[in-house]
């Protein structure tokens, strides 16, 4: 019991001393958490990264109010304030994968790293805002439900952000 109490105190101290994004103080260099968007049902977990906001928008950047989407529409999951990359020569090397599966688990879309061609990296400020976009179209069908999974990862560490969102294509 004493060990658990001491561990809890150490974690509380580390979190209290963490100063993400601040210019003074110090940071313990790790972050872990879960965020949920109750409107769309999107659930996000993250480890290693710090992140300010995660939200789901339509093609006009309006936040979605539910998870029902029309055929031939587009939605994006936006990540703002992504930090704590392991920099290499001052550059961040994010990766972004997108997978969409149908009710049977078959892939409708499976992109393992949409940033694979960016071999020079990004300035950390540019890599602080990322967006994964999906077009709701063929072979998706009206009336069916799908699971979207987007993974943002640091190519120089084990840091990752994983968002899952089920959506239904409107009739």
C-alpha atoms as a PDB file:
ATOM      1  CA  UNK A   1       0.000   0.000   0.000  1.00  0.00           C
ATOM      2  CA  UNK A   2       2.858   2.345   0.896  1.00  0.00           C
ATOM      3  CA  UNK A   3       4.487   1.643  -2.503  1.00  0.00           C
ATOM      4  CA  UNK A   4       1.279   2.558  -4.341  1.00  0.00           C
ATOM      5  CA  UNK A   5       0.988   5.798  -2.339  1.00  0.00           C
ATOM      6  CA  UNK A   6       4.599   6.750  -3.104  1.00  0.00           C
ATOM      7  CA  UNK A   7       4.129   5.948  -6.804  1.00  0.00           C
ATOM      8  CA  UNK A   8       0.961   8.063  -6.892  1.00  0.00           C
ATOM      9  CA  UNK A   9       2.803  10.963  -5.229  1.00  0.00           C
ATOM     10  CA  UNK A  10       5.681  10.722  -7.719  1.00  0.00           C
ATOM     11  CA  UNK A  11       3.254  10.739 -10.669  1.00  0.00           C
ATOM     12  CA  UNK A  12       1.321  13.698  -9.241  1.00  0.00           C
ATOM     13  CA  UNK A  13       4.598  15.591  -8.716  1.00  0.00           C
ATOM     14  CA  UNK A  14       5.754  14.822 -12.260  1.00  0.00           C
ATOM     15  CA  UNK A  15       2.452  16.000 -13.711  1.00  0.00           C
ATOM     16  CA  UNK A  16       2.453  19.140 -11.558  1.00  0.00           C
ATOM     17  CA  UNK A  17       5.988  20.004 -12.668  1.00  0.00           C
ATOM     18  CA  UNK A  18       5.297  19.356 -16.317  1.00  0.00           C
ATOM     19  CA  UNK A  19       5.046  22.564 -18.299  1.00  0.00           C
ATOM     20  CA  UNK A  20       3.997  21.642 -21.829  1.00  0.00           C
ATOM     21  CA  UNK A  21       4.402  24.538 -24.180  1.00  0.00           C
ATOM     22  CA  UNK A  22       5.648  26.872 -21.464  1.00  0.00           C
ATOM     23  CA  UNK A  23       8.912  28.755 -21.549  1.00  0.00           C
ATOM     24  CA  UNK A  24       9.868  28.327 -17.897  1.00  0.00           C
ATOM     25  CA  UNK A  25      10.002  25.368 -15.565  1.00  0.00           C
ATOM     26  CA  UNK A  26      10.724  21.912 -16.787  1.00  0.00           C
ATOM     27  CA  UNK A  27       8.927  19.019 -18.394  1.00  0.00           C
ATOM     28  CA  UNK A  28       9.220  15.361 -17.529  1.00  0.00           C
ATOM     29  CA  UNK A  29       9.127  14.558 -21.258  1.00  0.00           C
ATOM     30  CA  UNK A  30       6.199  12.185 -21.407  1.00  0.00           C
ATOM     31  CA  UNK A  31       2.496  12.444 -21.903  1.00  0.00           C
ATOM     32  CA  UNK A  32      -0.260   9.888 -21.872  1.00  0.00           C
ATOM     33  CA  UNK A  33      -3.993  10.288 -22.029  1.00  0.00           C
ATOM     34  CA  UNK A  34      -7.366   9.714 -23.595  1.00  0.00           C
ATOM     35  CA  UNK A  35      -9.730  12.187 -25.249  1.00  0.00           C
ATOM     36  CA  UNK A  36     -13.258  11.664 -26.535  1.00  0.00           C
ATOM     37  CA  UNK A  37     -15.520  13.602 -28.888  1.00  0.00           C
ATOM     38  CA  UNK A  38     -19.004  12.905 -27.569  1.00  0.00           C
ATOM     39  CA  UNK A  39     -20.699  14.307 -30.691  1.00  0.00           C
ATOM     40  CA  UNK A  40     -19.076  11.877 -33.123  1.00  0.00           C
ATOM     41  CA  UNK A  41     -18.001   9.110 -30.770  1.00  0.00           C
ATOM     42  CA  UNK A  42     -14.344   9.519 -31.796  1.00  0.00           C
ATOM     43  CA  UNK A  43     -11.982   8.166 -29.128  1.00  0.00           C
ATOM     44  CA  UNK A  44      -8.316   9.094 -29.010  1.00  0.00           C
ATOM     45  CA  UNK A  45      -5.482   7.708 -26.918  1.00  0.00           C
ATOM     46  CA  UNK A  46      -1.980   9.118 -26.915  1.00  0.00           C
ATOM     47  CA  UNK A  47       1.385   8.166 -25.480  1.00  0.00           C
ATOM     48  CA  UNK A  48       4.564  10.225 -25.602  1.00  0.00           C
ATOM     49  CA  UNK A  49       3.052  13.171 -27.448  1.00  0.00           C
ATOM     50  CA  UNK A  50       1.465  16.221 -25.918  1.00  0.00           C
ATOM     51  CA  UNK A  51      -1.663  17.392 -27.735  1.00  0.00           C
ATOM     52  CA  UNK A  52      -3.997  20.353 -27.267  1.00  0.00           C
ATOM     53  CA  UNK A  53      -7.066  19.639 -29.424  1.00  0.00           C
ATOM     54  CA  UNK A  54      -8.550  16.838 -31.481  1.00  0.00           C
ATOM     55  CA  UNK A  55     -11.736  17.333 -33.454  1.00  0.00           C
ATOM     56  CA  UNK A  56     -13.667  16.017 -36.451  1.00  0.00           C
ATOM     57  CA  UNK A  57     -14.676  18.349 -39.297  1.00  0.00           C
ATOM     58  CA  UNK A  58     -16.427  18.163 -42.658  1.00  0.00           C
ATOM     59  CA  UNK A  59     -14.986  19.350 -45.989  1.00  0.00           C
ATOM     60  CA  UNK A  60     -15.774  22.989 -45.073  1.00  0.00           C
ATOM     61  CA  UNK A  61     -13.996  22.680 -41.686  1.00  0.00           C
ATOM     62  CA  UNK A  62     -17.268  22.721 -39.727  1.00  0.00           C
ATOM     63  CA  UNK A  63     -17.179  20.466 -36.685  1.00  0.00           C
ATOM     64  CA  UNK A  64     -19.361  17.395 -37.106  1.00  0.00           C
ATOM     65  CA  UNK A  65     -22.311  17.028 -34.741  1.00  0.00           C
ATOM     66  CA  UNK A  66     -22.729  13.272 -35.258  1.00  0.00           C
ATOM     67  CA  UNK A  67     -21.146  10.302 -37.009  1.00  0.00           C
ATOM     68  CA  UNK A  68     -23.581   9.942 -39.936  1.00  0.00           C
ATOM     69  CA  UNK A  69     -22.036  10.926 -43.251  1.00  0.00           C
ATOM     70  CA  UNK A  70     -23.335  11.151 -46.805  1.00  0.00           C
ATOM     71  CA  UNK A  71     -21.809   9.299 -49.735  1.00  0.00           C
ATOM     72  CA  UNK A  72     -19.320  11.473 -51.635  1.00  0.00           C
ATOM     73  CA  UNK A  73     -18.659  13.604 -48.559  1.00  0.00           C
ATOM     74  CA  UNK A  74     -15.341  14.127 -46.822  1.00  0.00           C
ATOM     75  CA  UNK A  75     -14.350  14.346 -43.172  1.00  0.00           C
ATOM     76  CA  UNK A  76     -11.089  14.980 -41.374  1.00  0.00           C
ATOM     77  CA  UNK A  77      -9.731  14.313 -37.932  1.00  0.00           C
ATOM     78  CA  UNK A  78      -7.586  17.284 -36.939  1.00  0.00           C
ATOM     79  CA  UNK A  79      -4.785  17.199 -34.365  1.00  0.00           C
ATOM     80  CA  UNK A  80      -3.643  20.584 -33.015  1.00  0.00           C
ATOM     81  CA  UNK A  81      -0.761  21.328 -30.696  1.00  0.00           C
ATOM     82  CA  UNK A  82       1.106  18.062 -31.257  1.00  0.00           C
ATOM     83  CA  UNK A  83       4.418  18.294 -29.394  1.00  0.00           C
ATOM     84  CA  UNK A  84       7.217  16.233 -27.847  1.00  0.00           C
ATOM     85  CA  UNK A  85       8.620  14.883 -31.107  1.00  0.00           C
ATOM     86  CA  UNK A  86      12.076  13.368 -30.882  1.00  0.00           C
ATOM     87  CA  UNK A  87      13.861  15.792 -33.207  1.00  0.00           C
ATOM     88  CA  UNK A  88      16.628  14.806 -35.595  1.00  0.00           C
ATOM     89  CA  UNK A  89      18.746  17.736 -36.794  1.00  0.00           C
ATOM     90  CA  UNK A  90      16.001  20.045 -35.514  1.00  0.00           C
ATOM     91  CA  UNK A  91      13.305  18.355 -37.614  1.00  0.00           C
ATOM     92  CA  UNK A  92      10.231  16.334 -36.653  1.00  0.00           C
ATOM     93  CA  UNK A  93       9.436  13.152 -38.545  1.00  0.00           C
ATOM     94  CA  UNK A  94       5.731  12.389 -38.136  1.00  0.00           C
ATOM     95  CA  UNK A  95       3.969   9.462 -39.732  1.00  0.00           C
ATOM     96  CA  UNK A  96       0.240   9.219 -40.389  1.00  0.00           C
ATOM     97  CA  UNK A  97      -1.657   6.038 -41.167  1.00  0.00           C
ATOM     98  CA  UNK A  98      -5.340   5.735 -42.041  1.00  0.00           C
ATOM     99  CA  UNK A  99      -7.388   2.553 -42.095  1.00  0.00           C
ATOM    100  CA  UNK A 100     -11.112   2.147 -42.733  1.00  0.00           C
ATOM    101  CA  UNK A 101     -12.737  -1.244 -42.257  1.00  0.00           C
ATOM    102  CA  UNK A 102     -16.250  -2.499 -42.896  1.00  0.00           C
ATOM    103  CA  UNK A 103     -18.434  -4.453 -40.453  1.00  0.00           C
ATOM    104  CA  UNK A 104     -16.631  -7.718 -41.310  1.00  0.00           C
ATOM    105  CA  UNK A 105     -13.200  -6.162 -40.637  1.00  0.00           C
ATOM    106  CA  UNK A 106     -12.208  -6.039 -44.314  1.00  0.00           C
ATOM    107  CA  UNK A 107     -10.130  -3.021 -45.323  1.00  0.00           C
ATOM    108  CA  UNK A 108     -11.850  -0.393 -47.433  1.00  0.00           C
ATOM    109  CA  UNK A 109      -8.796   1.876 -47.091  1.00  0.00           C
ATOM    110  CA  UNK A 110      -5.361   1.069 -45.668  1.00  0.00           C
ATOM    111  CA  UNK A 111      -2.563   3.635 -45.920  1.00  0.00           C
ATOM    112  CA  UNK A 112       0.396   2.807 -43.666  1.00  0.00           C
ATOM    113  CA  UNK A 113       2.241   6.147 -43.846  1.00  0.00           C
ATOM    114  CA  UNK A 114       0.972   9.103 -45.822  1.00  0.00           C
ATOM    115  CA  UNK A 115       4.176  11.028 -44.983  1.00  0.00           C
ATOM    116  CA  UNK A 116       6.588   8.351 -46.241  1.00  0.00           C
ATOM    117  CA  UNK A 117       7.868  10.545 -49.092  1.00  0.00           C
ATOM    118  CA  UNK A 118       8.785  13.441 -46.775  1.00  0.00           C
ATOM    119  CA  UNK A 119      12.307  12.267 -45.985  1.00  0.00           C
ATOM    120  CA  UNK A 120      13.655  15.694 -44.943  1.00  0.00           C
ATOM    121  CA  UNK A 121      11.292  16.032 -41.977  1.00  0.00           C
ATOM    122  CA  UNK A 122       9.256  19.060 -40.903  1.00  0.00           C
ATOM    123  CA  UNK A 123       9.844  22.026 -38.673  1.00  0.00           C
ATOM    124  CA  UNK A 124       8.288  21.153 -35.294  1.00  0.00           C
ATOM    125  CA  UNK A 125       5.825  24.042 -35.659  1.00  0.00           C
ATOM    126  CA  UNK A 126       4.574  22.724 -39.013  1.00  0.00           C
ATOM    127  CA  UNK A 127       4.274  19.209 -37.545  1.00  0.00           C
ATOM    128  CA  UNK A 128       2.196  20.517 -34.634  1.00  0.00           C
ATOM    129  CA  UNK A 129      -1.000  20.520 -36.734  1.00  0.00           C
ATOM    130  CA  UNK A 130      -1.865  17.328 -38.611  1.00  0.00           C
ATOM    131  CA  UNK A 131      -4.997  16.193 -40.421  1.00  0.00           C
ATOM    132  CA  UNK A 132      -6.171  12.809 -41.621  1.00  0.00           C
ATOM    133  CA  UNK A 133      -8.909  13.079 -44.271  1.00  0.00           C
ATOM    134  CA  UNK A 134     -11.279  10.425 -45.589  1.00  0.00           C
ATOM    135  CA  UNK A 135     -13.599  10.601 -48.586  1.00  0.00           C
ATOM    136  CA  UNK A 136     -16.798   8.629 -48.026  1.00  0.00           C
ATOM    137  CA  UNK A 137     -17.222   6.926 -51.389  1.00  0.00           C
ATOM    138  CA  UNK A 138     -16.913   3.744 -53.415  1.00  0.00           C
ATOM    139  CA  UNK A 139     -16.657   0.941 -52.233  1.00  0.00           C
ATOM    140  CA  UNK A 140     -18.521   2.237 -49.150  1.00  0.00           C
ATOM    141  CA  UNK A 141     -22.274   1.805 -49.363  1.00  0.00           C
ATOM    142  CA  UNK A 142     -25.220   3.746 -47.947  1.00  0.00           C
ATOM    143  CA  UNK A 143     -26.737   2.121 -44.879  1.00  0.00           C
ATOM    144  CA  UNK A 144     -23.483   0.460 -43.803  1.00  0.00           C
ATOM    145  CA  UNK A 145     -21.220   1.286 -40.864  1.00  0.00           C
ATOM    146  CA  UNK A 146     -17.435   1.565 -40.964  1.00  0.00           C
ATOM    147  CA  UNK A 147     -14.572   1.996 -38.515  1.00  0.00           C
ATOM    148  CA  UNK A 148     -11.934   4.647 -39.187  1.00  0.00           C
ATOM    149  CA  UNK A 149      -8.588   4.391 -37.401  1.00  0.00           C
ATOM    150  CA  UNK A 150      -5.981   7.127 -37.733  1.00  0.00           C
ATOM    151  CA  UNK A 151      -2.549   6.773 -36.176  1.00  0.00           C
ATOM    152  CA  UNK A 152      -0.091   9.652 -35.869  1.00  0.00           C
ATOM    153  CA  UNK A 153       3.374   8.488 -34.877  1.00  0.00           C
ATOM    154  CA  UNK A 154       6.901   9.768 -34.368  1.00  0.00           C
ATOM    155  CA  UNK A 155       9.369   7.955 -36.621  1.00  0.00           C
ATOM    156  CA  UNK A 156      12.151   8.608 -34.072  1.00  0.00           C
ATOM    157  CA  UNK A 157      10.382   7.296 -30.953  1.00  0.00           C
ATOM    158  CA  UNK A 158       7.463   5.196 -29.742  1.00  0.00           C
ATOM    159  CA  UNK A 159       5.158   8.234 -29.388  1.00  0.00           C
ATOM    160  CA  UNK A 160       1.762   7.835 -31.004  1.00  0.00           C
ATOM    161  CA  UNK A 161      -1.780   9.159 -31.151  1.00  0.00           C
ATOM    162  CA  UNK A 162      -4.535   6.735 -32.158  1.00  0.00           C
ATOM    163  CA  UNK A 163      -8.088   7.832 -32.976  1.00  0.00           C
ATOM    164  CA  UNK A 164     -10.928   5.444 -33.723  1.00  0.00           C
ATOM    165  CA  UNK A 165     -14.340   6.537 -34.952  1.00  0.00           C
ATOM    166  CA  UNK A 166     -17.250   4.469 -36.180  1.00  0.00           C
ATOM    167  CA  UNK A 167     -19.406   6.139 -38.790  1.00  0.00           C
ATOM    168  CA  UNK A 168     -22.522   5.277 -40.743  1.00  0.00           C
ATOM    169  CA  UNK A 169     -23.098   6.187 -44.372  1.00  0.00           C
ATOM    170  CA  UNK A 170     -26.502   7.854 -44.728  1.00  0.00           C
ATOM    171  CA  UNK A 171     -29.151   6.331 -46.999  1.00  0.00           C
END
